[in-house]
Amino acid sequence: MARKQMIEGGTKNRIREVGGRQIFEHGYDGTSVRGIMLEVGGEVGLFYYYYKTKDELFTDVLDHFFEPYRKDFEALAAEAKEKPYRALLRFFSYIKREVRAFRAKYEGNMHRTVRWAIREQTLTVIEPYIEDIIRTLMTCGAKPTMDPHTMAIFLAHGLGSCILHEDADWVDEATDDMRRTVNLIMGLSEEESRKMFEDADGKANAPAAMEGEKENEM
């Protein structure tokens, strides 16, 4: 009964919490199941009650990490149906803000291999939400040069990678070129393009996703 109560009392969450922190700090290869369970205060065998391998734990840690972001991505994609023309701008603006917060929180406190893994996982996570926004824009006159799925991959791993990987000063300098390129491949007319980058007063507004101070590489 004692073991059952311990299992039902949140031991898995504790393993994921401790394991995630150790992996973040020491990297995947620098973290051991024995070390995780030593801090958790349980036997190694208990780890394998919940996870078949350390890799399965890492997958769970990443899924848990992205959970709040997925909710926000879903909300942004849903909002696009009411405010379609600024939908891509809002989406990538959100990513830029969260990248800034991520770097401020984890700079010097996260192993580079985990940072790289999160970076690459982000690009895959955002693809379906960008595709939803593209499909919404198509109902408003956009004529992308690729099918929506391929276009979503292209934007995620193109514009998304610039925000996640590159120095913000370079991104700021390339803003106009990237904006024109996105408009071109999305098949947006001048009028539709203007709607995407105007504020509530109808004034030209540079993409907020490209604004911000110089940041270290994520």
N, C-alpha and C. Protein backbone atom coordinates (compact mmCIF):
# COMPACT_ATOMS: atom_id res chain seq x y z
N MET A 1 0.82 -1.20 0.00
CA MET A 1 0.00 0.00 0.00
C MET A 1 0.86 1.26 0.00
N ALA A 2 1.95 1.25 0.76
CA ALA A 2 2.83 2.42 0.83
C ALA A 2 3.40 2.75 -0.54
N ARG A 3 3.84 1.72 -1.29
CA ARG A 3 4.39 1.95 -2.61
C ARG A 3 3.32 2.49 -3.55
N LYS A 4 2.11 1.94 -3.44
CA LYS A 4 1.03 2.40 -4.30
C LYS A 4 0.70 3.86 -4.02
N GLN A 5 0.66 4.25 -2.74
CA GLN A 5 0.37 5.63 -2.39
C GLN A 5 1.46 6.56 -2.92
N MET A 6 2.69 6.12 -2.87
CA MET A 6 3.78 6.94 -3.36
C MET A 6 3.65 7.14 -4.86
N ILE A 7 3.30 6.07 -5.56
CA ILE A 7 3.15 6.16 -7.00
C ILE A 7 1.99 7.08 -7.37
N GLU A 8 0.88 6.97 -6.67
CA GLU A 8 -0.28 7.76 -7.00
C GLU A 8 -0.16 9.20 -6.49
N GLY A 9 0.83 9.45 -5.66
CA GLY A 9 0.97 10.78 -5.06
C GLY A 9 1.81 11.74 -5.85
N GLY A 10 2.15 11.45 -7.09
CA GLY A 10 2.85 12.40 -7.93
C GLY A 10 4.31 12.09 -8.13
N THR A 11 4.72 10.84 -7.94
CA THR A 11 6.13 10.50 -8.11
C THR A 11 6.59 10.74 -9.55
N LYS A 12 5.74 10.47 -10.51
CA LYS A 12 6.12 10.68 -11.90
C LYS A 12 6.42 12.16 -12.15
N ASN A 13 5.58 13.02 -11.61
CA ASN A 13 5.82 14.45 -11.77
C ASN A 13 7.15 14.86 -11.15
N ARG A 14 7.47 14.26 -10.01
CA ARG A 14 8.73 14.57 -9.33
C ARG A 14 9.92 14.09 -10.15
N ILE A 15 9.81 12.90 -10.73
CA ILE A 15 10.88 12.38 -11.59
C ILE A 15 11.07 13.28 -12.79
N ARG A 16 9.97 13.70 -13.39
CA ARG A 16 10.05 14.59 -14.56
C ARG A 16 10.64 15.93 -14.16
N GLU A 17 10.27 16.45 -13.00
CA GLU A 17 10.79 17.74 -12.54
C GLU A 17 12.29 17.68 -12.30
N VAL A 18 12.71 16.68 -11.54
CA VAL A 18 14.14 16.53 -11.22
C VAL A 18 14.92 16.17 -12.48
N GLY A 19 14.39 15.21 -13.24
CA GLY A 19 15.08 14.79 -14.45
C GLY A 19 15.21 15.93 -15.45
N GLY A 20 14.14 16.72 -15.60
CA GLY A 20 14.19 17.84 -16.51
C GLY A 20 15.23 18.87 -16.09
N ARG A 21 15.27 19.17 -14.82
CA ARG A 21 16.24 20.16 -14.35
C ARG A 21 17.67 19.67 -14.53
N GLN A 22 17.90 18.40 -14.23
CA GLN A 22 19.25 17.86 -14.39
C GLN A 22 19.66 17.81 -15.86
N ILE A 23 18.74 17.43 -16.72
CA ILE A 23 19.04 17.40 -18.15
C ILE A 23 19.30 18.82 -18.67
N PHE A 24 18.48 19.77 -18.23
CA PHE A 24 18.68 21.15 -18.66
C PHE A 24 20.06 21.66 -18.25
N GLU A 25 20.50 21.31 -17.04
CA GLU A 25 21.76 21.83 -16.51
C GLU A 25 22.98 21.07 -17.02
N HIS A 26 22.85 19.75 -17.13
CA HIS A 26 24.02 18.91 -17.43
C HIS A 26 23.98 18.28 -18.82
N GLY A 27 22.87 18.42 -19.52
CA GLY A 27 22.74 17.79 -20.82
C GLY A 27 22.21 16.38 -20.70
N TYR A 28 21.75 15.84 -21.81
CA TYR A 28 21.19 14.49 -21.82
C TYR A 28 22.24 13.46 -21.42
N ASP A 29 23.41 13.53 -22.05
CA ASP A 29 24.46 12.55 -21.77
C ASP A 29 25.05 12.72 -20.37
N GLY A 30 24.95 13.92 -19.81
CA GLY A 30 25.51 14.17 -18.48
C GLY A 30 24.55 13.87 -17.35
N THR A 31 23.40 13.34 -17.68
CA THR A 31 22.39 13.01 -16.67
C THR A 31 22.16 11.50 -16.65
N SER A 32 22.12 10.93 -15.46
CA SER A 32 21.90 9.48 -15.34
C SER A 32 20.61 9.20 -14.58
N VAL A 33 20.04 8.06 -14.86
CA VAL A 33 18.83 7.64 -14.14
C VAL A 33 19.14 7.51 -12.66
N ARG A 34 20.29 6.97 -12.32
CA ARG A 34 20.67 6.81 -10.91
C ARG A 34 20.76 8.17 -10.22
N GLY A 35 21.34 9.16 -10.91
CA GLY A 35 21.45 10.49 -10.33
C GLY A 35 20.09 11.14 -10.13
N ILE A 36 19.19 10.92 -11.07
CA ILE A 36 17.83 11.46 -10.94
C ILE A 36 17.14 10.86 -9.72
N MET A 37 17.20 9.55 -9.60
CA MET A 37 16.49 8.88 -8.52
C MET A 37 17.13 9.13 -7.16
N LEU A 38 18.41 9.42 -7.16
CA LEU A 38 19.08 9.76 -5.90
C LEU A 38 18.48 11.05 -5.35
N GLU A 39 18.25 12.02 -6.23
CA GLU A 39 17.65 13.27 -5.77
C GLU A 39 16.16 13.11 -5.48
N VAL A 40 15.48 12.28 -6.27
CA VAL A 40 14.05 12.04 -6.03
C VAL A 40 13.84 11.35 -4.69
N GLY A 41 14.80 10.47 -4.36
CA GLY A 41 14.68 9.72 -3.11
C GLY A 41 13.97 8.39 -3.30
N GLY A 42 14.16 7.78 -4.47
CA GLY A 42 13.54 6.50 -4.74
C GLY A 42 14.53 5.55 -5.39
N GLU A 43 14.17 4.29 -5.47
CA GLU A 43 15.05 3.31 -6.09
C GLU A 43 15.02 3.45 -7.61
N VAL A 44 16.10 3.02 -8.24
CA VAL A 44 16.19 3.11 -9.69
C VAL A 44 15.04 2.38 -10.36
N GLY A 45 14.64 1.25 -9.77
CA GLY A 45 13.55 0.47 -10.36
C GLY A 45 12.26 1.26 -10.48
N LEU A 46 12.06 2.24 -9.58
CA LEU A 46 10.84 3.04 -9.62
C LEU A 46 10.80 3.90 -10.88
N PHE A 47 11.99 4.33 -11.33
CA PHE A 47 12.05 5.11 -12.57
C PHE A 47 11.43 4.34 -13.72
N TYR A 48 11.74 3.05 -13.79
CA TYR A 48 11.29 2.24 -14.92
C TYR A 48 9.84 1.80 -14.78
N TYR A 49 9.22 2.14 -13.67
CA TYR A 49 7.77 1.94 -13.56
C TYR A 49 7.06 2.94 -14.48
N TYR A 50 7.67 4.13 -14.64
CA TYR A 50 7.06 5.20 -15.42
C TYR A 50 7.65 5.36 -16.82
N TYR A 51 8.95 5.14 -16.94
CA TYR A 51 9.64 5.38 -18.21
C TYR A 51 10.46 4.16 -18.60
N LYS A 52 10.33 3.78 -19.86
CA LYS A 52 11.11 2.64 -20.33
C LYS A 52 12.59 3.00 -20.47
N THR A 53 12.85 4.24 -20.86
CA THR A 53 14.22 4.68 -21.08
C THR A 53 14.38 6.15 -20.67
N LYS A 54 15.60 6.60 -20.58
CA LYS A 54 15.87 8.02 -20.32
C LYS A 54 15.38 8.86 -21.50
N ASP A 55 15.45 8.32 -22.69
CA ASP A 55 14.97 9.04 -23.86
C ASP A 55 13.48 9.32 -23.76
N GLU A 56 12.73 8.37 -23.23
CA GLU A 56 11.29 8.57 -23.04
C GLU A 56 11.03 9.68 -22.02
N LEU A 57 11.85 9.75 -20.99
CA LEU A 57 11.74 10.83 -20.01
C LEU A 57 12.00 12.18 -20.70
N PHE A 58 13.05 12.23 -21.51
CA PHE A 58 13.39 13.49 -22.18
C PHE A 58 12.26 13.96 -23.08
N THR A 59 11.61 13.03 -23.77
CA THR A 59 10.46 13.37 -24.60
C THR A 59 9.34 13.96 -23.75
N ASP A 60 9.10 13.34 -22.60
CA ASP A 60 8.07 13.84 -21.68
C ASP A 60 8.43 15.23 -21.16
N VAL A 61 9.70 15.44 -20.85
CA VAL A 61 10.16 16.74 -20.37
C VAL A 61 9.91 17.81 -21.43
N LEU A 62 10.24 17.52 -22.68
CA LEU A 62 10.04 18.49 -23.75
C LEU A 62 8.55 18.75 -23.99
N ASP A 63 7.75 17.69 -23.96
CA ASP A 63 6.31 17.86 -24.15
C ASP A 63 5.73 18.76 -23.06
N HIS A 64 6.18 18.55 -21.83
CA HIS A 64 5.72 19.36 -20.71
C HIS A 64 6.20 20.81 -20.87
N PHE A 65 7.42 20.98 -21.34
CA PHE A 65 7.98 22.31 -21.54
C PHE A 65 7.16 23.11 -22.56
N PHE A 66 6.72 22.45 -23.63
CA PHE A 66 6.01 23.14 -24.71
C PHE A 66 4.51 23.28 -24.45
N GLU A 67 4.01 22.66 -23.41
CA GLU A 67 2.57 22.65 -23.16
C GLU A 67 1.96 24.06 -23.11
N PRO A 68 2.49 25.00 -22.31
CA PRO A 68 1.89 26.34 -22.29
C PRO A 68 2.03 27.07 -23.62
N TYR A 69 3.13 26.82 -24.34
CA TYR A 69 3.31 27.46 -25.63
C TYR A 69 2.29 26.96 -26.64
N ARG A 70 2.01 25.67 -26.61
CA ARG A 70 1.02 25.11 -27.53
C ARG A 70 -0.34 25.79 -27.33
N LYS A 71 -0.70 26.04 -26.08
CA LYS A 71 -1.99 26.69 -25.79
C LYS A 71 -2.02 28.09 -26.39
N ASP A 72 -0.91 28.81 -26.27
CA ASP A 72 -0.84 30.15 -26.84
C ASP A 72 -0.84 30.11 -28.36
N PHE A 73 -0.14 29.15 -28.95
CA PHE A 73 -0.14 29.01 -30.41
C PHE A 73 -1.56 28.73 -30.91
N GLU A 74 -2.26 27.86 -30.19
CA GLU A 74 -3.62 27.52 -30.58
C GLU A 74 -4.53 28.75 -30.52
N ALA A 75 -4.34 29.55 -29.47
CA ALA A 75 -5.16 30.77 -29.33
C ALA A 75 -4.86 31.76 -30.45
N LEU A 76 -3.59 31.90 -30.83
CA LEU A 76 -3.22 32.81 -31.90
C LEU A 76 -3.79 32.36 -33.24
N ALA A 77 -3.75 31.05 -33.48
CA ALA A 77 -4.31 30.52 -34.72
C ALA A 77 -5.82 30.72 -34.77
N ALA A 78 -6.48 30.56 -33.63
CA ALA A 78 -7.93 30.76 -33.57
C ALA A 78 -8.28 32.23 -33.76
N GLU A 79 -7.48 33.12 -33.19
CA GLU A 79 -7.71 34.55 -33.31
C GLU A 79 -7.58 35.02 -34.76
N ALA A 80 -6.80 34.29 -35.54
CA ALA A 80 -6.59 34.66 -36.95
C ALA A 80 -7.89 34.66 -37.73
N LYS A 81 -8.84 33.87 -37.29
CA LYS A 81 -10.12 33.81 -38.02
C LYS A 81 -10.89 35.12 -37.89
N GLU A 82 -10.66 35.87 -36.81
CA GLU A 82 -11.32 37.15 -36.62
C GLU A 82 -10.45 38.31 -37.09
N LYS A 83 -9.12 38.16 -36.96
CA LYS A 83 -8.18 39.21 -37.37
C LYS A 83 -7.12 38.60 -38.28
N PRO A 84 -7.50 38.26 -39.50
CA PRO A 84 -6.62 37.48 -40.36
C PRO A 84 -5.37 38.21 -40.85
N TYR A 85 -5.49 39.50 -41.15
CA TYR A 85 -4.40 40.15 -41.85
C TYR A 85 -3.15 40.35 -41.00
N ARG A 86 -3.30 40.43 -39.69
CA ARG A 86 -2.14 40.59 -38.82
C ARG A 86 -1.78 39.29 -38.11
N ALA A 87 -2.34 38.20 -38.56
CA ALA A 87 -2.17 36.94 -37.85
C ALA A 87 -0.73 36.45 -37.85
N LEU A 88 -0.07 36.48 -39.00
CA LEU A 88 1.33 36.04 -39.05
C LEU A 88 2.22 36.96 -38.23
N LEU A 89 1.94 38.25 -38.28
CA LEU A 89 2.70 39.21 -37.50
C LEU A 89 2.56 38.92 -36.02
N ARG A 90 1.33 38.71 -35.56
CA ARG A 90 1.11 38.42 -34.13
C ARG A 90 1.80 37.12 -33.73
N PHE A 91 1.75 36.14 -34.60
CA PHE A 91 2.33 34.84 -34.29
C PHE A 91 3.84 34.95 -34.10
N PHE A 92 4.51 35.56 -35.06
CA PHE A 92 5.97 35.66 -34.97
C PHE A 92 6.41 36.71 -33.94
N SER A 93 5.56 37.68 -33.65
CA SER A 93 5.84 38.62 -32.57
C SER A 93 5.87 37.89 -31.23
N TYR A 94 4.91 36.99 -31.06
CA TYR A 94 4.85 36.18 -29.84
C TYR A 94 6.13 35.36 -29.70
N ILE A 95 6.55 34.72 -30.77
CA ILE A 95 7.76 33.91 -30.72
C ILE A 95 8.96 34.77 -30.32
N LYS A 96 9.06 35.95 -30.91
CA LYS A 96 10.19 36.83 -30.60
C LYS A 96 10.20 37.20 -29.12
N ARG A 97 9.04 37.53 -28.56
CA ARG A 97 8.97 37.87 -27.13
C ARG A 97 9.37 36.70 -26.25
N GLU A 98 8.89 35.51 -26.61
CA GLU A 98 9.17 34.34 -25.78
C GLU A 98 10.63 33.92 -25.90
N VAL A 99 11.24 34.13 -27.07
CA VAL A 99 12.67 33.84 -27.22
C VAL A 99 13.46 34.76 -26.30
N ARG A 100 13.07 36.01 -26.23
CA ARG A 100 13.76 36.96 -25.35
C ARG A 100 13.64 36.51 -23.89
N ALA A 101 12.44 36.11 -23.49
CA ALA A 101 12.22 35.67 -22.11
C ALA A 101 12.99 34.39 -21.82
N PHE A 102 13.01 33.49 -22.79
CA PHE A 102 13.72 32.22 -22.64
C PHE A 102 15.21 32.46 -22.43
N ARG A 103 15.78 33.32 -23.25
CA ARG A 103 17.21 33.59 -23.13
C ARG A 103 17.54 34.24 -21.79
N ALA A 104 16.69 35.14 -21.34
CA ALA A 104 16.92 35.81 -20.07
C ALA A 104 16.84 34.82 -18.90
N LYS A 105 15.95 33.87 -19.00
CA LYS A 105 15.76 32.91 -17.91
C LYS A 105 16.84 31.85 -17.87
N TYR A 106 17.23 31.35 -19.04
CA TYR A 106 18.11 30.17 -19.07
C TYR A 106 19.55 30.45 -19.46
N GLU A 107 19.87 31.68 -19.80
CA GLU A 107 21.24 31.97 -20.20
C GLU A 107 22.22 31.56 -19.10
N GLY A 108 23.16 30.70 -19.43
CA GLY A 108 24.14 30.22 -18.47
C GLY A 108 23.63 29.11 -17.57
N ASN A 109 22.34 28.77 -17.70
CA ASN A 109 21.76 27.74 -16.83
C ASN A 109 21.22 26.54 -17.60
N MET A 110 21.52 26.47 -18.87
CA MET A 110 21.02 25.36 -19.68
C MET A 110 22.15 24.83 -20.55
N HIS A 111 22.29 23.53 -20.57
CA HIS A 111 23.32 22.90 -21.38
C HIS A 111 23.03 23.17 -22.86
N ARG A 112 24.07 23.44 -23.62
CA ARG A 112 23.89 23.83 -25.02
C ARG A 112 23.16 22.77 -25.85
N THR A 113 23.38 21.49 -25.55
CA THR A 113 22.72 20.45 -26.33
C THR A 113 21.21 20.46 -26.13
N VAL A 114 20.78 20.79 -24.92
CA VAL A 114 19.35 20.88 -24.65
C VAL A 114 18.77 22.13 -25.31
N ARG A 115 19.53 23.22 -25.29
CA ARG A 115 19.10 24.44 -25.96
C ARG A 115 18.89 24.17 -27.45
N TRP A 116 19.82 23.43 -28.04
CA TRP A 116 19.68 23.09 -29.46
C TRP A 116 18.46 22.21 -29.71
N ALA A 117 18.22 21.27 -28.81
CA ALA A 117 17.07 20.38 -28.97
C ALA A 117 15.76 21.16 -28.89
N ILE A 118 15.67 22.09 -27.94
CA ILE A 118 14.47 22.90 -27.80
C ILE A 118 14.29 23.78 -29.03
N ARG A 119 15.37 24.31 -29.51
CA ARG A 119 15.34 25.18 -30.69
C ARG A 119 14.74 24.44 -31.89
N GLU A 120 15.25 23.25 -32.14
CA GLU A 120 14.78 22.47 -33.29
C GLU A 120 13.35 21.98 -33.08
N GLN A 121 13.02 21.61 -31.85
CA GLN A 121 11.66 21.15 -31.56
C GLN A 121 10.66 22.28 -31.77
N THR A 122 11.06 23.50 -31.44
CA THR A 122 10.17 24.65 -31.63
C THR A 122 9.72 24.77 -33.07
N LEU A 123 10.64 24.58 -34.00
CA LEU A 123 10.30 24.73 -35.42
C LEU A 123 9.26 23.70 -35.85
N THR A 124 9.36 22.50 -35.31
CA THR A 124 8.38 21.46 -35.64
C THR A 124 7.03 21.75 -34.97
N VAL A 125 7.07 22.22 -33.74
CA VAL A 125 5.84 22.50 -32.99
C VAL A 125 5.00 23.58 -33.66
N ILE A 126 5.64 24.61 -34.20
CA ILE A 126 4.87 25.74 -34.74
C ILE A 126 4.30 25.49 -36.12
N GLU A 127 4.76 24.47 -36.81
CA GLU A 127 4.31 24.22 -38.19
C GLU A 127 2.79 24.15 -38.33
N PRO A 128 2.08 23.30 -37.56
CA PRO A 128 0.63 23.18 -37.81
C PRO A 128 -0.15 24.46 -37.52
N TYR A 129 0.33 25.27 -36.59
CA TYR A 129 -0.37 26.52 -36.27
C TYR A 129 -0.17 27.54 -37.39
N ILE A 130 1.03 27.57 -37.95
CA ILE A 130 1.26 28.45 -39.09
C ILE A 130 0.42 28.00 -40.27
N GLU A 131 0.29 26.70 -40.45
CA GLU A 131 -0.54 26.19 -41.55
C GLU A 131 -1.99 26.63 -41.38
N ASP A 132 -2.50 26.59 -40.14
CA ASP A 132 -3.87 27.05 -39.89
C ASP A 132 -4.03 28.51 -40.28
N ILE A 133 -3.04 29.33 -39.92
CA ILE A 133 -3.11 30.76 -40.24
C ILE A 133 -3.05 30.97 -41.75
N ILE A 134 -2.20 30.22 -42.43
CA ILE A 134 -2.10 30.33 -43.89
C ILE A 134 -3.44 29.99 -44.55
N ARG A 135 -4.08 28.94 -44.08
CA ARG A 135 -5.37 28.56 -44.64
C ARG A 135 -6.41 29.65 -44.41
N THR A 136 -6.35 30.29 -43.25
CA THR A 136 -7.25 31.41 -42.98
C THR A 136 -6.98 32.56 -43.94
N LEU A 137 -5.70 32.89 -44.15
CA LEU A 137 -5.34 33.98 -45.06
C LEU A 137 -5.78 33.68 -46.49
N MET A 138 -5.77 32.42 -46.86
CA MET A 138 -6.20 32.05 -48.20
C MET A 138 -7.67 32.37 -48.42
N THR A 139 -8.48 32.31 -47.37
CA THR A 139 -9.89 32.68 -47.50
C THR A 139 -10.06 34.18 -47.65
N CYS A 140 -8.98 34.93 -47.37
CA CYS A 140 -9.02 36.40 -47.48
C CYS A 140 -8.28 36.92 -48.71
N GLY A 141 -7.89 36.01 -49.58
CA GLY A 141 -7.29 36.44 -50.84
C GLY A 141 -5.83 36.08 -51.04
N ALA A 142 -5.18 35.55 -50.03
CA ALA A 142 -3.78 35.15 -50.20
C ALA A 142 -3.70 33.96 -51.17
N LYS A 143 -2.67 33.97 -52.00
CA LYS A 143 -2.48 32.89 -52.96
C LYS A 143 -1.03 32.40 -52.84
N PRO A 144 -0.74 31.61 -51.81
CA PRO A 144 0.65 31.15 -51.59
C PRO A 144 1.17 30.36 -52.77
N THR A 145 2.48 30.47 -52.98
CA THR A 145 3.10 29.80 -54.11
C THR A 145 3.34 28.32 -53.87
N MET A 146 3.08 27.86 -52.66
CA MET A 146 3.18 26.45 -52.33
C MET A 146 1.90 26.03 -51.62
N ASP A 147 1.66 24.73 -51.52
CA ASP A 147 0.49 24.28 -50.78
C ASP A 147 0.65 24.68 -49.31
N PRO A 148 -0.44 24.83 -48.56
CA PRO A 148 -0.37 25.35 -47.19
C PRO A 148 0.58 24.59 -46.27
N HIS A 149 0.62 23.29 -46.39
CA HIS A 149 1.50 22.50 -45.53
C HIS A 149 2.97 22.80 -45.81
N THR A 150 3.31 22.79 -47.09
CA THR A 150 4.70 23.08 -47.48
C THR A 150 5.07 24.51 -47.11
N MET A 151 4.14 25.45 -47.32
CA MET A 151 4.40 26.84 -46.97
C MET A 151 4.64 27.00 -45.47
N ALA A 152 3.88 26.27 -44.67
CA ALA A 152 4.04 26.35 -43.22
C ALA A 152 5.43 25.87 -42.81
N ILE A 153 5.88 24.78 -43.42
CA ILE A 153 7.22 24.28 -43.13
C ILE A 153 8.26 25.30 -43.55
N PHE A 154 8.05 25.89 -44.71
CA PHE A 154 8.99 26.88 -45.25
C PHE A 154 9.11 28.09 -44.32
N LEU A 155 7.97 28.61 -43.85
CA LEU A 155 8.00 29.78 -42.97
C LEU A 155 8.54 29.43 -41.58
N ALA A 156 8.17 28.27 -41.08
CA ALA A 156 8.64 27.86 -39.75
C ALA A 156 10.15 27.73 -39.73
N HIS A 157 10.68 27.05 -40.74
CA HIS A 157 12.13 26.78 -40.75
C HIS A 157 12.91 27.90 -41.43
N GLY A 158 12.21 28.88 -41.98
CA GLY A 158 12.86 30.04 -42.57
C GLY A 158 12.82 31.21 -41.61
N LEU A 159 11.66 31.87 -41.54
CA LEU A 159 11.50 33.02 -40.64
C LEU A 159 11.65 32.61 -39.19
N GLY A 160 11.08 31.45 -38.84
CA GLY A 160 11.21 30.97 -37.46
C GLY A 160 12.64 30.74 -37.07
N SER A 161 13.41 30.16 -37.96
CA SER A 161 14.83 29.91 -37.67
C SER A 161 15.60 31.21 -37.49
N CYS A 162 15.25 32.23 -38.28
CA CYS A 162 15.93 33.53 -38.13
C CYS A 162 15.73 34.07 -36.72
N ILE A 163 14.51 34.00 -36.22
CA ILE A 163 14.21 34.52 -34.88
C ILE A 163 14.91 33.69 -33.81
N LEU A 164 14.92 32.37 -33.99
CA LEU A 164 15.48 31.48 -32.97
C LEU A 164 17.00 31.43 -32.98
N HIS A 165 17.60 31.54 -34.16
CA HIS A 165 19.03 31.30 -34.30
C HIS A 165 19.89 32.55 -34.41
N GLU A 166 19.37 33.56 -35.11
CA GLU A 166 20.24 34.65 -35.51
C GLU A 166 20.29 35.79 -34.51
N ASP A 167 21.36 36.56 -34.62
CA ASP A 167 21.52 37.77 -33.82
C ASP A 167 20.42 38.76 -34.18
N ALA A 168 19.80 39.39 -33.17
CA ALA A 168 18.66 40.27 -33.41
C ALA A 168 19.03 41.48 -34.26
N ASP A 169 20.26 41.97 -34.16
CA ASP A 169 20.67 43.11 -34.98
C ASP A 169 20.59 42.75 -36.46
N TRP A 170 21.04 41.56 -36.80
CA TRP A 170 20.97 41.11 -38.20
C TRP A 170 19.52 40.97 -38.63
N VAL A 171 18.68 40.42 -37.76
CA VAL A 171 17.27 40.25 -38.08
C VAL A 171 16.62 41.60 -38.34
N ASP A 172 16.94 42.58 -37.51
CA ASP A 172 16.37 43.92 -37.71
C ASP A 172 16.76 44.50 -39.07
N GLU A 173 18.01 44.30 -39.45
CA GLU A 173 18.48 44.83 -40.73
C GLU A 173 17.80 44.14 -41.91
N ALA A 174 17.44 42.86 -41.72
CA ALA A 174 16.85 42.08 -42.80
C ALA A 174 15.32 42.14 -42.82
N THR A 175 14.73 42.91 -41.91
CA THR A 175 13.27 42.92 -41.75
C THR A 175 12.53 43.21 -43.05
N ASP A 176 12.88 44.29 -43.72
CA ASP A 176 12.15 44.68 -44.92
C ASP A 176 12.24 43.62 -46.02
N ASP A 177 13.43 43.07 -46.19
CA ASP A 177 13.61 42.02 -47.20
C ASP A 177 12.76 40.80 -46.88
N MET A 178 12.75 40.40 -45.61
CA MET A 178 11.97 39.23 -45.22
C MET A 178 10.48 39.49 -45.37
N ARG A 179 10.05 40.69 -45.02
CA ARG A 179 8.64 41.03 -45.16
C ARG A 179 8.22 40.97 -46.62
N ARG A 180 9.02 41.57 -47.50
CA ARG A 180 8.68 41.55 -48.93
C ARG A 180 8.65 40.12 -49.46
N THR A 181 9.59 39.31 -49.00
CA THR A 181 9.64 37.92 -49.45
C THR A 181 8.42 37.15 -49.00
N VAL A 182 8.02 37.33 -47.74
CA VAL A 182 6.82 36.64 -47.23
C VAL A 182 5.59 37.07 -48.02
N ASN A 183 5.47 38.38 -48.27
CA ASN A 183 4.32 38.86 -49.05
C ASN A 183 4.30 38.24 -50.44
N LEU A 184 5.48 38.13 -51.05
CA LEU A 184 5.58 37.59 -52.40
C LEU A 184 5.17 36.12 -52.44
N ILE A 185 5.74 35.31 -51.55
CA ILE A 185 5.44 33.87 -51.60
C ILE A 185 4.05 33.56 -51.06
N MET A 186 3.46 34.49 -50.29
CA MET A 186 2.09 34.29 -49.83
C MET A 186 1.08 34.78 -50.87
N GLY A 187 1.57 35.41 -51.96
CA GLY A 187 0.69 35.86 -53.01
C GLY A 187 -0.25 36.98 -52.58
N LEU A 188 0.28 37.88 -51.73
CA LEU A 188 -0.54 38.98 -51.22
C LEU A 188 -0.44 40.20 -52.13
N SER A 189 -1.56 40.82 -52.39
CA SER A 189 -1.57 42.05 -53.17
C SER A 189 -1.05 43.19 -52.30
N GLU A 190 -0.82 44.34 -52.94
CA GLU A 190 -0.36 45.51 -52.19
C GLU A 190 -1.37 45.90 -51.11
N GLU A 191 -2.64 45.85 -51.45
CA GLU A 191 -3.69 46.21 -50.48
C GLU A 191 -3.70 45.23 -49.31
N GLU A 192 -3.63 43.93 -49.63
CA GLU A 192 -3.62 42.92 -48.56
C GLU A 192 -2.37 43.01 -47.72
N SER A 193 -1.25 43.30 -48.36
CA SER A 193 0.00 43.45 -47.64
C SER A 193 -0.06 44.64 -46.69
N ARG A 194 -0.64 45.72 -47.13
CA ARG A 194 -0.76 46.91 -46.30
C ARG A 194 -1.61 46.62 -45.06
N LYS A 195 -2.66 45.85 -45.23
CA LYS A 195 -3.51 45.49 -44.10
C LYS A 195 -2.74 44.67 -43.07
N MET A 196 -1.81 43.86 -43.54
CA MET A 196 -1.04 43.01 -42.63
C MET A 196 -0.09 43.82 -41.76
N PHE A 197 0.36 44.97 -42.27
CA PHE A 197 1.39 45.71 -41.55
C PHE A 197 0.96 47.13 -41.19
N GLU A 198 -0.35 47.32 -40.97
CA GLU A 198 -0.85 48.59 -40.49
C GLU A 198 -1.37 48.41 -39.07
N ASP A 199 -1.29 49.47 -38.28
CA ASP A 199 -1.85 49.42 -36.94
C ASP A 199 -3.31 49.85 -37.01
N ALA A 200 -3.92 49.99 -35.83
CA ALA A 200 -5.35 50.28 -35.78
C ALA A 200 -5.69 51.62 -36.43
N ASP A 201 -4.73 52.55 -36.49
CA ASP A 201 -4.97 53.85 -37.08
C ASP A 201 -4.65 53.90 -38.56
N GLY A 202 -4.24 52.76 -39.12
CA GLY A 202 -3.93 52.71 -40.53
C GLY A 202 -2.53 53.16 -40.85
N LYS A 203 -1.68 53.29 -39.83
CA LYS A 203 -0.31 53.73 -40.05
C LYS A 203 0.59 52.52 -40.27
N ALA A 204 1.59 52.71 -41.11
CA ALA A 204 2.52 51.62 -41.38
C ALA A 204 3.20 51.20 -40.10
N ASN A 205 3.33 49.91 -39.93
CA ASN A 205 3.91 49.37 -38.70
C ASN A 205 4.84 48.23 -39.04
N ALA A 206 6.13 48.34 -38.72
CA ALA A 206 7.08 47.27 -39.01
C ALA A 206 6.74 46.06 -38.17
N PRO A 207 6.98 44.86 -38.67
CA PRO A 207 6.66 43.64 -37.93
C PRO A 207 7.32 43.61 -36.57
N ALA A 208 6.50 43.50 -35.52
CA ALA A 208 7.06 43.46 -34.17
C ALA A 208 7.92 42.24 -33.96
N ALA A 209 7.65 41.19 -34.76
CA ALA A 209 8.46 39.98 -34.62
C ALA A 209 9.91 40.25 -34.95
N MET A 210 10.18 41.35 -35.66
CA MET A 210 11.54 41.66 -36.04
C MET A 210 12.15 42.74 -35.16
N GLU A 211 11.38 43.24 -34.17
CA GLU A 211 11.89 44.32 -33.34
C GLU A 211 12.57 43.76 -32.11
N GLY A 212 13.27 44.60 -31.39
CA GLY A 212 13.86 44.17 -30.13
C GLY A 212 15.33 44.46 -30.06
N GLU A 213 15.87 44.29 -28.86
CA GLU A 213 17.28 44.55 -28.63
C GLU A 213 18.13 43.38 -29.09
N LYS A 214 19.40 43.60 -29.19
CA LYS A 214 20.33 42.55 -29.57
C LYS A 214 20.30 41.45 -28.53
N GLU A 215 20.19 40.20 -28.99
CA GLU A 215 20.08 39.08 -28.06
C GLU A 215 21.17 38.08 -28.37
N ASN A 216 21.51 37.30 -27.36
CA ASN A 216 22.46 36.21 -27.56
C ASN A 216 21.77 35.09 -28.30
N GLU A 217 22.55 34.23 -28.89
CA GLU A 217 21.99 33.10 -29.63
C GLU A 217 21.27 32.17 -28.69
N MET A 218 20.06 31.76 -29.07
CA MET A 218 19.27 30.85 -28.23
C MET A 218 19.91 29.48 -28.26
